[in-house]
Amino acid sequence: MLDTPGKFRLQRPDRSFFVPIFCLWMGFLGFSFCHAPIPGVNEPHYLTKSLHCWDTSWCAGDFFLESSNAHLVFYRTVGALTVVTSFATSATIGRMLAYLLLAAAWQSLSTRLSDDRWSGCLSAAVFLLLASVGNFSGEWLVGGVEAKVFAYGFVLAGLAALLNGKLWQAGLTLGCGVAMHPLVGLWAVVAMSLAVVWSVLNDCRRHGSHTAIAAVLQFLYRREVLLAAVLFVSFSAFGIVPALTSVLSADPKLSFQANYIQVFYRLPHHLDPMKFKAAAYAGYCLLSLVAWMLNRQVRAGVVDRPGLSFLSRTIACSGIIAFIGVLIGLGPRPPVEMPYYELRMNLLKFYPFRMFDVALPILVSIQIAILLSERRLLCIILPGKSRTVVVAVCFAAALYLNAGRGSIDRMTEAQRADWVGLCDWVRTKTPRNSLILTPKESRSFKWFAERSEYVAFKDCPQDAAGIVEWNNRLKFLKQWGEDNWNGKSYSAAATKQLHETTGIAYVVSSRWGPFDAPIVYENETYRIYQIDVL
């Protein structure tokens, strides 16, 4: 089990570690704005949903916004910013809050493991560089603002509190992590719980089962343990209850259809291991080997570090979970040819890879920071003052490799100007209750235009009924387009029928069409047809 605080820690430096926290905060924010200029890839998804959650009259009729609120705690807390300020300002403030939490948690965990107040900056720079090289299942930590960034911050804070023996703080922060993002928080708690079991079994082997079990029972009967459990359950319920309500209320047939759409069509890059690149497998196998080798080097150091051992076991358990996920997803395609494919699909939808995807680079970066902080041979090669150069080089390389990769689109400057101009026209010239049909690249339409969309590929709901309806709308448009094309255009009669069937008032087109309908706006890239006047 975990030792009590102070048993294996070196003397903390007298100087405050708030300066390193500030440096970490600035580093995370700098990387965030460079990697994902506002709006980041998921910010329109989260912040427009937040505003509608507070004001249901805003973009009324947008079926994504009116679907279930899977991340209700985020919408009701951070999302409240959208009520009083613009989306861009809300995203800026949200990022500042999210990465301040992450910086404080990162610093607390790093200094707990290394007793070097600057190890957090070094490990963060290495982590950003590793994350820039690639990932396993598309998971990221530093980018825009969304629920999972806060969740990871709370998870790291909870892990640091646990290692420091502050159990009630661990229960509170881990509960907040689950509340913010149930999947992120729960996978972290599962991995930590497995690591605790691992530690108990190891103690049984070393000290005898009776002694180890007695120590565990004595630990569990502590009043602080009960308080931590109560805090965890109480706070995590704010995230788990809305998620369970959404999942359990679905019709079984709808759930089956939704799971298939989510795992094998909408999100296979996150959920289907058969879709992951061979380079991702090779990279994470190599990184796992590096982590094992570095762990041996750290354990061979002057100071025994059971805290790092517990962290390593936690990440190893998340790796076991990911490996099981790979085994679940392996099989022939199409998926219906896999034995028990419905059960396997139901398991894959819970993102078994995401924790390991982020956690393994975190472990390696902390291991490297510890070695550079205290190992005598490395300190001879790389004096302490030179670590600033390492931080700067890693951070600069990360920025170079990631600049703009988290952007909402891949438009040229001219195309982006045309898109923003189009959205401004829609916001100022169309009725507030207009329903708009937008092209596939319209990830930021509601952000800029503040109008409802008939369907958006990016904005897939999270409840079963919403996912199925999202898919049906996309299929309907595809079929309508094929059935009504006359070789030159879409006729006025067919276009009028589209309006009467769907309620769409305006069609924004970059390539689709032409339509035999009035063009009310046009620029070099886009045109808008008004079809509710036919």
Protein backbone atom coordinates (compact mmCIF):
# COMPACT_ATOMS: atom_id res chain seq x y z
CA MET A 1 0.00 0.00 0.00
CA LEU A 2 1.00 3.66 -0.11
CA ASP A 3 3.30 4.84 2.61
CA THR A 4 2.53 7.78 4.83
CA PRO A 5 3.82 11.15 3.65
CA GLY A 6 7.33 12.03 4.68
CA LYS A 7 8.63 8.49 4.83
CA PHE A 8 10.43 8.64 1.54
CA ARG A 9 10.40 12.35 0.65
CA LEU A 10 13.45 14.51 0.60
CA GLN A 11 13.38 17.89 2.32
CA ARG A 12 11.30 20.25 0.25
CA PRO A 13 13.05 23.43 -0.86
CA ASP A 14 12.14 26.46 1.18
CA ARG A 15 11.47 28.51 -1.92
CA SER A 16 7.90 28.62 -3.13
CA PHE A 17 6.83 26.50 -6.08
CA PHE A 18 4.29 29.07 -7.26
CA VAL A 19 6.76 30.48 -9.77
CA PRO A 20 7.08 27.08 -11.49
CA ILE A 21 3.28 26.82 -11.51
CA PHE A 22 3.11 30.16 -13.30
CA CYS A 23 5.74 29.00 -15.81
CA LEU A 24 3.80 25.79 -16.38
CA TRP A 25 0.58 27.75 -16.83
CA MET A 26 2.17 30.03 -19.40
CA GLY A 27 3.69 27.03 -21.19
CA PHE A 28 0.40 25.16 -21.39
CA LEU A 29 -1.45 28.28 -22.52
CA GLY A 30 1.18 29.12 -25.12
CA PHE A 31 1.03 25.62 -26.54
CA SER A 32 -2.76 25.71 -26.42
CA PHE A 33 -3.10 28.91 -28.45
CA CYS A 34 -0.38 27.86 -30.91
CA HIS A 35 -1.71 24.35 -31.39
CA ALA A 36 -5.41 25.25 -31.42
CA PRO A 37 -6.19 28.88 -32.35
CA ILE A 38 -9.64 29.89 -31.12
CA PRO A 39 -12.00 28.27 -31.87
CA GLY A 40 -10.25 24.96 -31.18
CA VAL A 41 -11.51 21.73 -32.65
CA ASN A 42 -14.14 20.99 -29.96
CA GLU A 43 -14.80 24.46 -28.56
CA PRO A 44 -17.82 25.25 -30.79
CA HIS A 45 -19.21 21.84 -29.83
CA TYR A 46 -18.93 22.50 -26.08
CA LEU A 47 -19.56 26.23 -25.83
CA THR A 48 -22.57 26.47 -28.13
CA LYS A 49 -24.06 23.54 -26.23
CA SER A 50 -23.34 25.42 -23.00
CA LEU A 51 -25.14 28.57 -24.11
CA HIS A 52 -28.18 26.60 -25.27
CA CYS A 53 -28.19 24.75 -21.95
CA TRP A 54 -28.54 28.10 -20.18
CA ASP A 55 -30.82 29.73 -22.79
CA THR A 56 -32.92 27.22 -24.72
CA SER A 57 -34.27 29.96 -27.00
CA TRP A 58 -30.80 30.42 -28.48
CA CYS A 59 -30.61 28.41 -31.73
CA ALA A 60 -33.90 26.72 -30.89
CA GLY A 61 -34.59 23.89 -33.31
CA ASP A 62 -30.99 22.74 -33.63
CA PHE A 63 -31.42 19.06 -32.84
CA PHE A 64 -27.83 18.61 -31.60
CA LEU A 65 -28.22 21.42 -29.08
CA GLU A 66 -31.54 19.99 -27.95
CA SER A 67 -30.13 16.48 -27.44
CA SER A 68 -29.09 15.14 -24.02
CA ASN A 69 -26.47 17.01 -21.99
CA ALA A 70 -23.77 14.40 -21.39
CA HIS A 71 -21.35 16.90 -19.83
CA LEU A 72 -23.85 18.85 -17.77
CA VAL A 73 -21.36 19.91 -15.06
CA PHE A 74 -19.15 21.60 -17.65
CA TYR A 75 -22.12 23.36 -19.24
CA ARG A 76 -23.38 24.62 -15.88
CA THR A 77 -20.00 25.80 -14.56
CA VAL A 78 -17.45 26.81 -17.18
CA GLY A 79 -20.23 27.07 -19.77
CA ALA A 80 -21.87 29.86 -17.76
CA LEU A 81 -19.26 32.19 -19.25
CA THR A 82 -21.12 32.05 -22.58
CA VAL A 83 -24.13 33.78 -20.99
CA VAL A 84 -22.18 36.91 -20.09
CA THR A 85 -19.51 37.14 -22.79
CA SER A 86 -18.70 36.09 -26.35
CA PHE A 87 -17.68 32.60 -27.37
CA ALA A 88 -14.10 33.71 -28.06
CA THR A 89 -13.78 35.36 -24.64
CA SER A 90 -15.41 32.36 -22.98
CA ALA A 91 -12.90 30.07 -24.68
CA THR A 92 -10.00 32.27 -23.57
CA ILE A 93 -11.12 32.43 -19.95
CA GLY A 94 -11.99 28.73 -20.00
CA ARG A 95 -8.52 27.85 -21.25
CA MET A 96 -6.94 30.01 -18.57
CA LEU A 97 -8.91 28.22 -15.85
CA ALA A 98 -8.37 24.74 -17.29
CA TYR A 99 -4.63 25.07 -17.73
CA LEU A 100 -4.15 26.79 -14.39
CA LEU A 101 -5.75 23.73 -12.78
CA LEU A 102 -3.61 21.43 -14.92
CA ALA A 103 -0.44 23.39 -14.11
CA ALA A 104 -1.07 23.31 -10.35
CA ALA A 105 -1.89 19.58 -10.42
CA TRP A 106 1.10 18.80 -12.63
CA GLN A 107 3.45 20.73 -10.36
CA SER A 108 2.07 19.06 -7.25
CA LEU A 109 2.51 15.59 -8.71
CA SER A 110 5.96 16.27 -10.18
CA THR A 111 7.43 17.78 -7.03
CA ARG A 112 5.88 14.99 -4.96
CA LEU A 113 7.80 12.45 -7.02
CA SER A 114 11.08 14.29 -7.60
CA ASP A 115 11.42 16.86 -4.77
CA ASP A 116 12.67 19.30 -7.38
CA ARG A 117 10.44 22.32 -7.84
CA TRP A 118 11.48 22.75 -11.49
CA SER A 119 10.89 19.13 -12.48
CA GLY A 120 7.29 20.00 -13.41
CA CYS A 121 8.42 22.42 -16.12
CA LEU A 122 10.91 19.90 -17.48
CA SER A 123 8.44 17.00 -17.50
CA ALA A 124 5.72 19.18 -19.09
CA ALA A 125 8.07 20.23 -21.91
CA VAL A 126 9.02 16.61 -22.56
CA PHE A 127 5.34 15.59 -22.45
CA LEU A 128 4.34 18.24 -24.99
CA LEU A 129 7.12 17.07 -27.28
CA LEU A 130 6.05 13.42 -26.95
CA ALA A 131 2.43 14.36 -27.57
CA SER A 132 3.52 16.28 -30.67
CA VAL A 133 5.15 13.22 -32.20
CA GLY A 134 1.96 11.18 -32.12
CA ASN A 135 -0.64 9.37 -30.03
CA PHE A 136 -2.38 6.03 -29.91
CA SER A 137 -6.11 6.66 -30.19
CA GLY A 138 -6.35 10.37 -30.95
CA GLU A 139 -6.49 11.50 -27.31
CA TRP A 140 -4.95 14.86 -26.40
CA LEU A 141 -4.53 16.88 -23.23
CA VAL A 142 -3.43 20.41 -24.17
CA GLY A 143 -5.48 22.14 -26.85
CA GLY A 144 -8.79 23.96 -26.55
CA VAL A 145 -11.08 24.04 -23.53
CA GLU A 146 -13.49 21.22 -22.92
CA ALA A 147 -14.63 18.97 -20.09
CA LYS A 148 -11.83 16.43 -20.34
CA VAL A 149 -9.07 19.02 -19.76
CA PHE A 150 -10.58 19.87 -16.37
CA ALA A 151 -11.11 16.16 -15.71
CA TYR A 152 -7.45 15.32 -16.33
CA GLY A 153 -6.42 18.23 -14.13
CA PHE A 154 -8.57 16.91 -11.28
CA VAL A 155 -7.26 13.38 -11.82
CA LEU A 156 -3.62 14.50 -11.54
CA ALA A 157 -4.49 16.57 -8.47
CA GLY A 158 -6.22 13.54 -6.94
CA LEU A 159 -3.24 11.32 -7.64
CA ALA A 160 -0.89 13.86 -6.04
CA ALA A 161 -3.14 14.15 -2.99
CA LEU A 162 -3.29 10.36 -2.71
CA LEU A 163 0.51 10.09 -2.78
CA ASN A 164 0.72 12.82 -0.15
CA GLY A 165 -1.64 10.88 2.12
CA LYS A 166 -4.36 13.56 1.88
CA LEU A 167 -7.20 11.17 1.35
CA TRP A 168 -10.16 13.54 1.64
CA GLN A 169 -8.55 15.83 -0.95
CA ALA A 170 -8.03 12.83 -3.23
CA GLY A 171 -11.68 11.81 -2.88
CA LEU A 172 -12.84 15.35 -3.58
CA THR A 173 -10.66 15.98 -6.65
CA LEU A 174 -11.21 12.54 -8.18
CA GLY A 175 -14.95 13.02 -7.68
CA CYS A 176 -14.72 16.37 -9.48
CA GLY A 177 -12.84 14.65 -12.31
CA VAL A 178 -15.64 12.12 -12.75
CA ALA A 179 -18.24 14.90 -12.55
CA MET A 180 -16.54 16.88 -15.30
CA HIS A 181 -16.01 13.91 -17.62
CA PRO A 182 -17.30 10.53 -16.37
CA LEU A 183 -15.23 8.39 -18.75
CA VAL A 184 -11.93 10.16 -18.07
CA GLY A 185 -12.50 10.21 -14.32
CA LEU A 186 -13.76 6.65 -13.98
CA TRP A 187 -11.01 5.09 -16.10
CA ALA A 188 -8.46 6.89 -13.91
CA VAL A 189 -10.12 5.63 -10.73
CA VAL A 190 -10.30 2.09 -12.12
CA ALA A 191 -6.60 2.16 -13.00
CA MET A 192 -5.70 3.53 -9.54
CA SER A 193 -7.87 0.90 -7.84
CA LEU A 194 -6.14 -1.87 -9.78
CA ALA A 195 -2.79 -0.36 -8.79
CA VAL A 196 -3.84 -0.48 -5.13
CA VAL A 197 -4.75 -4.16 -5.50
CA TRP A 198 -1.37 -4.71 -7.16
CA SER A 199 0.35 -3.00 -4.23
CA VAL A 200 -1.56 -5.09 -1.69
CA LEU A 201 -0.64 -8.32 -3.46
CA ASN A 202 2.97 -7.19 -3.58
CA ASP A 203 2.90 -6.49 0.18
CA CYS A 204 1.35 -9.92 0.76
CA ARG A 205 4.24 -11.49 -1.12
CA ARG A 206 6.85 -9.51 0.79
CA HIS A 207 5.43 -9.40 4.31
CA GLY A 208 2.92 -12.20 4.41
CA SER A 209 -0.79 -12.10 3.67
CA HIS A 210 -1.92 -11.74 7.29
CA THR A 211 0.26 -8.69 7.91
CA ALA A 212 -0.71 -7.04 4.63
CA ILE A 213 -4.45 -7.69 5.07
CA ALA A 214 -4.32 -6.40 8.64
CA ALA A 215 -2.64 -3.21 7.39
CA VAL A 216 -5.31 -2.80 4.70
CA LEU A 217 -8.16 -3.25 7.17
CA GLN A 218 -6.57 -0.80 9.56
CA PHE A 219 -6.24 1.67 6.70
CA LEU A 220 -9.88 1.24 5.59
CA TYR A 221 -11.24 1.80 9.10
CA ARG A 222 -9.71 5.27 9.26
CA ARG A 223 -12.31 8.03 9.42
CA GLU A 224 -10.52 9.95 6.66
CA VAL A 225 -11.01 7.04 4.27
CA LEU A 226 -14.77 7.14 4.85
CA LEU A 227 -14.80 10.91 4.31
CA ALA A 228 -12.85 10.50 1.06
CA ALA A 229 -15.31 7.85 -0.16
CA VAL A 230 -18.31 10.03 0.68
CA LEU A 231 -16.80 13.03 -1.10
CA PHE A 232 -15.92 10.96 -4.15
CA VAL A 233 -19.38 9.42 -4.49
CA SER A 234 -21.16 12.72 -3.81
CA PHE A 235 -19.26 14.77 -6.38
CA SER A 236 -18.94 12.08 -9.04
CA ALA A 237 -22.74 11.62 -8.97
CA PHE A 238 -23.12 15.02 -10.67
CA GLY A 239 -21.49 13.54 -13.77
CA ILE A 240 -22.55 9.91 -13.54
CA VAL A 241 -26.29 10.47 -13.06
CA PRO A 242 -26.83 12.49 -16.28
CA ALA A 243 -24.69 10.01 -18.22
CA LEU A 244 -26.56 6.99 -16.87
CA THR A 245 -29.91 8.67 -17.46
CA SER A 246 -28.98 9.12 -21.10
CA VAL A 247 -27.71 5.55 -21.49
CA LEU A 248 -30.39 3.66 -19.55
CA SER A 249 -33.36 5.53 -21.02
CA ALA A 250 -32.63 4.37 -24.55
CA ASP A 251 -34.60 1.72 -26.37
CA PRO A 252 -32.46 -1.45 -26.89
CA LYS A 253 -32.88 -1.30 -30.67
CA LEU A 254 -31.85 2.35 -30.74
CA SER A 255 -28.90 1.60 -28.46
CA PHE A 256 -27.66 -1.10 -30.82
CA GLN A 257 -27.89 1.20 -33.84
CA ALA A 258 -26.28 4.10 -31.97
CA ASN A 259 -23.39 2.00 -30.71
CA TYR A 260 -22.64 0.70 -34.19
CA ILE A 261 -22.74 4.21 -35.65
CA GLN A 262 -20.55 5.62 -32.88
CA VAL A 263 -17.89 2.89 -32.80
CA PHE A 264 -17.54 1.95 -36.46
CA TYR A 265 -18.66 5.08 -38.33
CA ARG A 266 -18.45 8.32 -36.38
CA LEU A 267 -15.54 7.66 -33.99
CA PRO A 268 -13.52 4.66 -35.23
CA HIS A 269 -10.32 6.74 -34.96
CA HIS A 270 -10.90 6.76 -31.18
CA LEU A 271 -12.73 3.47 -30.60
CA ASP A 272 -11.88 0.85 -33.23
CA PRO A 273 -8.33 -0.55 -32.77
CA MET A 274 -8.43 -1.94 -36.31
CA LYS A 275 -8.46 1.68 -37.52
CA PHE A 276 -5.41 2.77 -35.51
CA LYS A 277 -2.26 3.26 -37.56
CA ALA A 278 0.57 0.74 -37.42
CA ALA A 279 2.87 3.60 -36.46
CA ALA A 280 0.71 4.24 -33.38
CA TYR A 281 1.11 0.65 -32.22
CA ALA A 282 4.85 0.69 -32.89
CA GLY A 283 5.29 4.06 -31.20
CA TYR A 284 3.48 3.09 -28.01
CA CYS A 285 5.21 -0.29 -27.81
CA LEU A 286 8.52 1.57 -28.06
CA LEU A 287 7.39 4.16 -25.50
CA SER A 288 6.32 1.38 -23.13
CA LEU A 289 9.78 -0.17 -23.44
CA VAL A 290 11.35 3.23 -22.72
CA ALA A 291 9.12 3.64 -19.66
CA TRP A 292 10.19 0.21 -18.35
CA MET A 293 13.87 1.00 -18.87
CA LEU A 294 13.58 4.43 -17.27
CA ASN A 295 11.72 2.93 -14.33
CA ARG A 296 14.65 0.60 -13.71
CA GLN A 297 17.03 3.55 -13.83
CA VAL A 298 14.95 5.56 -11.37
CA ARG A 299 14.63 2.61 -8.99
CA ALA A 300 18.40 2.21 -9.12
CA GLY A 301 18.78 5.80 -7.86
CA VAL A 302 19.82 7.03 -4.45
CA VAL A 303 16.28 7.52 -3.17
CA ASP A 304 13.57 4.85 -2.99
CA ARG A 305 10.38 6.15 -4.63
CA PRO A 306 7.28 4.10 -3.83
CA GLY A 307 5.20 7.04 -5.05
CA LEU A 308 6.64 6.63 -8.52
CA SER A 309 6.13 2.89 -8.24
CA PHE A 310 2.43 3.48 -7.58
CA LEU A 311 2.21 5.87 -10.55
CA SER A 312 3.95 3.30 -12.75
CA ARG A 313 1.53 0.61 -11.63
CA THR A 314 -1.43 2.90 -12.32
CA ILE A 315 -0.24 3.58 -15.87
CA ALA A 316 0.60 -0.11 -16.34
CA CYS A 317 -2.98 -0.94 -15.34
CA SER A 318 -4.30 1.59 -17.84
CA GLY A 319 -2.08 -0.15 -20.41
CA ILE A 320 -3.63 -3.50 -19.51
CA ILE A 321 -7.08 -1.95 -20.00
CA ALA A 322 -6.00 -0.64 -23.42
CA PHE A 323 -4.54 -4.04 -24.37
CA ILE A 324 -7.82 -5.72 -23.46
CA GLY A 325 -9.56 -3.10 -25.62
CA VAL A 326 -7.31 -4.05 -28.54
CA LEU A 327 -8.15 -7.73 -28.07
CA ILE A 328 -11.85 -6.88 -27.95
CA GLY A 329 -11.65 -4.95 -31.20
CA LEU A 330 -9.48 -7.34 -33.18
CA GLY A 331 -11.32 -9.25 -35.85
CA PRO A 332 -12.50 -9.26 -39.45
CA ARG A 333 -14.29 -6.38 -41.05
CA PRO A 334 -17.15 -5.65 -41.58
CA PRO A 335 -17.69 -5.87 -37.80
CA VAL A 336 -20.73 -8.14 -38.10
CA GLU A 337 -18.32 -10.96 -39.00
CA MET A 338 -16.69 -10.81 -35.55
CA PRO A 339 -17.91 -13.38 -33.00
CA TYR A 340 -20.00 -11.67 -30.29
CA TYR A 341 -19.59 -8.40 -32.16
CA GLU A 342 -22.52 -6.73 -30.37
CA LEU A 343 -20.95 -7.30 -26.95
CA ARG A 344 -17.54 -6.22 -28.20
CA MET A 345 -19.02 -3.09 -29.77
CA ASN A 346 -20.79 -2.23 -26.51
CA LEU A 347 -17.47 -2.45 -24.64
CA LEU A 348 -15.48 -0.43 -27.18
CA LYS A 349 -17.84 2.54 -26.92
CA PHE A 350 -16.43 3.29 -23.44
CA TYR A 351 -13.08 4.53 -24.83
CA PRO A 352 -10.77 1.90 -23.23
CA PHE A 353 -7.69 3.46 -24.85
CA ARG A 354 -7.93 7.09 -23.81
CA MET A 355 -6.36 6.86 -20.33
CA PHE A 356 -3.28 4.98 -21.52
CA ASP A 357 -2.94 7.28 -24.51
CA VAL A 358 -2.31 10.30 -22.25
CA ALA A 359 -0.88 8.55 -19.17
CA LEU A 360 2.09 6.78 -20.77
CA PRO A 361 3.71 10.00 -22.09
CA ILE A 362 3.08 11.61 -18.68
CA LEU A 363 4.93 8.76 -16.95
CA VAL A 364 7.89 8.90 -19.34
CA SER A 365 8.17 12.67 -19.03
CA ILE A 366 8.17 12.51 -15.22
CA GLN A 367 10.75 9.71 -15.26
CA ILE A 368 13.04 11.77 -17.48
CA ALA A 369 12.60 14.81 -15.24
CA ILE A 370 13.52 12.76 -12.15
CA LEU A 371 16.66 11.40 -13.81
CA LEU A 372 17.75 14.84 -14.96
CA SER A 373 17.08 16.19 -11.47
CA GLU A 374 19.08 13.75 -9.38
CA ARG A 375 21.08 11.15 -11.32
CA ARG A 376 24.75 11.86 -10.88
CA LEU A 377 25.90 10.71 -14.32
CA LEU A 378 23.27 12.73 -16.15
CA CYS A 379 23.95 15.76 -13.98
CA ILE A 380 27.61 15.62 -15.02
CA ILE A 381 26.62 15.48 -18.66
CA LEU A 382 23.85 18.04 -18.25
CA PRO A 383 24.36 20.51 -15.37
CA GLY A 384 21.30 21.85 -13.61
CA LYS A 385 21.38 25.22 -15.34
CA SER A 386 21.39 23.49 -18.72
CA ARG A 387 18.00 21.97 -17.99
CA THR A 388 16.53 25.33 -18.96
CA VAL A 389 17.89 24.70 -22.43
CA VAL A 390 16.23 21.26 -22.49
CA VAL A 391 12.90 22.80 -21.52
CA ALA A 392 13.22 25.51 -24.17
CA VAL A 393 14.26 23.10 -26.93
CA CYS A 394 11.49 20.59 -26.15
CA PHE A 395 8.87 23.33 -25.93
CA ALA A 396 10.02 25.00 -29.16
CA ALA A 397 10.04 21.66 -30.99
CA ALA A 398 6.54 20.90 -29.71
CA LEU A 399 5.27 24.25 -30.94
CA TYR A 400 6.89 23.75 -34.33
CA LEU A 401 5.41 20.27 -34.76
CA ASN A 402 1.93 21.28 -33.57
CA ALA A 403 1.30 24.81 -34.81
CA GLY A 404 -2.29 24.96 -36.03
CA ARG A 405 -2.90 21.20 -35.92
CA GLY A 406 -5.75 21.63 -33.45
CA SER A 407 -7.47 24.24 -35.58
CA ILE A 408 -11.17 24.00 -36.28
CA ASP A 409 -10.55 23.74 -40.02
CA ARG A 410 -7.88 23.46 -42.68
CA MET A 411 -8.96 26.52 -44.65
CA THR A 412 -6.69 28.96 -46.38
CA GLU A 413 -6.78 32.54 -45.17
CA ALA A 414 -9.03 33.50 -48.12
CA GLN A 415 -11.43 30.62 -47.49
CA ARG A 416 -11.59 31.41 -43.79
CA ALA A 417 -12.35 35.06 -44.53
CA ASP A 418 -15.13 33.96 -46.89
CA TRP A 419 -16.52 31.61 -44.23
CA VAL A 420 -16.56 34.23 -41.50
CA GLY A 421 -18.10 36.76 -43.89
CA LEU A 422 -20.84 34.29 -44.80
CA CYS A 423 -21.58 33.58 -41.15
CA ASP A 424 -21.73 37.32 -40.36
CA TRP A 425 -24.28 37.76 -43.15
CA VAL A 426 -26.39 34.89 -41.82
CA ARG A 427 -26.27 36.29 -38.28
CA THR A 428 -27.36 39.78 -39.33
CA LYS A 429 -29.66 39.13 -42.29
CA THR A 430 -31.64 35.98 -41.49
CA PRO A 431 -34.44 35.48 -38.93
CA ARG A 432 -33.27 34.10 -35.57
CA ASN A 433 -35.44 30.99 -35.98
CA SER A 434 -34.00 30.06 -39.40
CA LEU A 435 -32.90 26.47 -39.95
CA ILE A 436 -29.80 26.27 -42.13
CA LEU A 437 -28.32 23.41 -44.16
CA THR A 438 -24.53 23.76 -43.98
CA PRO A 439 -21.63 22.01 -45.73
CA LYS A 440 -19.50 19.36 -44.02
CA GLU A 441 -16.76 21.83 -43.06
CA SER A 442 -19.23 23.87 -40.99
CA ARG A 443 -17.72 23.06 -37.58
CA SER A 444 -17.87 26.68 -36.46
CA PHE A 445 -21.17 27.72 -38.04
CA LYS A 446 -23.18 28.13 -34.83
CA TRP A 447 -20.17 29.83 -33.22
CA PHE A 448 -20.07 32.60 -35.85
CA ALA A 449 -23.58 32.63 -37.35
CA GLU A 450 -25.65 31.85 -34.22
CA ARG A 451 -28.25 29.96 -36.22
CA SER A 452 -29.61 26.43 -36.02
CA GLU A 453 -28.28 23.71 -38.32
CA TYR A 454 -30.30 20.89 -39.78
CA VAL A 455 -27.37 18.52 -39.20
CA ALA A 456 -23.61 18.93 -38.74
CA PHE A 457 -21.18 16.05 -39.13
CA LYS A 458 -19.02 17.27 -36.24
CA ASP A 459 -21.94 17.80 -33.87
CA CYS A 460 -23.02 14.25 -33.20
CA PRO A 461 -25.23 13.88 -30.10
CA GLN A 462 -24.23 11.51 -27.29
CA ASP A 463 -27.57 9.85 -26.57
CA ALA A 464 -28.76 6.86 -28.59
CA ALA A 465 -31.84 8.55 -30.07
CA GLY A 466 -29.78 11.58 -31.06
CA ILE A 467 -27.02 9.52 -32.69
CA VAL A 468 -29.54 7.56 -34.76
CA GLU A 469 -31.38 10.72 -35.79
CA TRP A 470 -28.05 12.37 -36.71
CA ASN A 471 -27.22 9.41 -38.95
CA ASN A 472 -30.71 9.34 -40.48
CA ARG A 473 -30.47 13.02 -41.41
CA LEU A 474 -27.12 12.52 -43.10
CA LYS A 475 -28.44 9.50 -45.02
CA PHE A 476 -31.58 11.39 -46.00
CA LEU A 477 -29.57 14.27 -47.49
CA LYS A 478 -27.31 11.89 -49.39
CA GLN A 479 -30.27 9.98 -50.79
CA TRP A 480 -32.17 13.17 -51.61
CA GLY A 481 -29.17 14.51 -53.48
CA GLU A 482 -28.85 11.33 -55.55
CA ASP A 483 -32.56 11.03 -56.31
CA ASN A 484 -33.20 14.65 -57.32
CA TRP A 485 -30.16 15.53 -59.41
CA ASN A 486 -31.27 16.15 -63.00
CA GLY A 487 -27.79 16.30 -64.46
CA LYS A 488 -27.49 20.09 -64.25
CA SER A 489 -29.13 21.29 -61.05
CA TYR A 490 -31.74 20.64 -58.38
CA SER A 491 -35.08 21.85 -59.66
CA ALA A 492 -37.28 24.36 -57.89
CA ALA A 493 -39.90 21.65 -57.26
CA ALA A 494 -37.35 19.28 -55.67
CA THR A 495 -35.84 22.09 -53.61
CA LYS A 496 -39.27 23.19 -52.40
CA GLN A 497 -39.97 19.60 -51.39
CA LEU A 498 -36.70 19.62 -49.39
CA HIS A 499 -37.89 22.68 -47.48
CA GLU A 500 -41.34 21.23 -46.81
CA THR A 501 -39.87 17.93 -45.58
CA THR A 502 -37.14 19.31 -43.34
CA GLY A 503 -37.98 22.93 -42.53
CA ILE A 504 -34.65 24.09 -43.97
CA ALA A 505 -34.88 27.77 -44.96
CA TYR A 506 -31.38 28.40 -46.37
CA VAL A 507 -28.79 26.17 -48.01
CA VAL A 508 -25.11 27.09 -47.63
CA SER A 509 -23.14 25.51 -50.43
CA SER A 510 -19.49 25.39 -51.47
CA ARG A 511 -19.73 22.59 -54.06
CA TRP A 512 -23.24 21.12 -53.77
CA GLY A 513 -25.77 22.31 -56.32
CA PRO A 514 -26.62 24.49 -58.09
CA PHE A 515 -30.19 24.84 -56.84
CA ASP A 516 -32.98 26.44 -58.79
CA ALA A 517 -33.59 28.93 -55.97
CA PRO A 518 -32.72 32.58 -55.25
CA ILE A 519 -29.06 33.22 -54.33
CA VAL A 520 -29.15 35.72 -51.46
CA TYR A 521 -25.42 35.79 -50.69
CA GLU A 522 -22.30 34.83 -52.59
CA ASN A 523 -18.52 35.17 -52.27
CA GLU A 524 -15.53 33.46 -53.86
CA THR A 525 -16.05 30.21 -51.92
CA TYR A 526 -19.68 29.98 -50.82
CA ARG A 527 -23.20 30.86 -51.86
CA ILE A 528 -26.46 30.84 -49.93
CA TYR A 529 -29.76 29.76 -51.49
CA GLN A 530 -33.04 30.76 -49.87
CA ILE A 531 -35.45 27.87 -50.38
CA ASP A 532 -38.34 28.78 -48.09
CA VAL A 533 -39.67 31.29 -50.64
CA LEU A 534 -40.24 28.78 -53.45
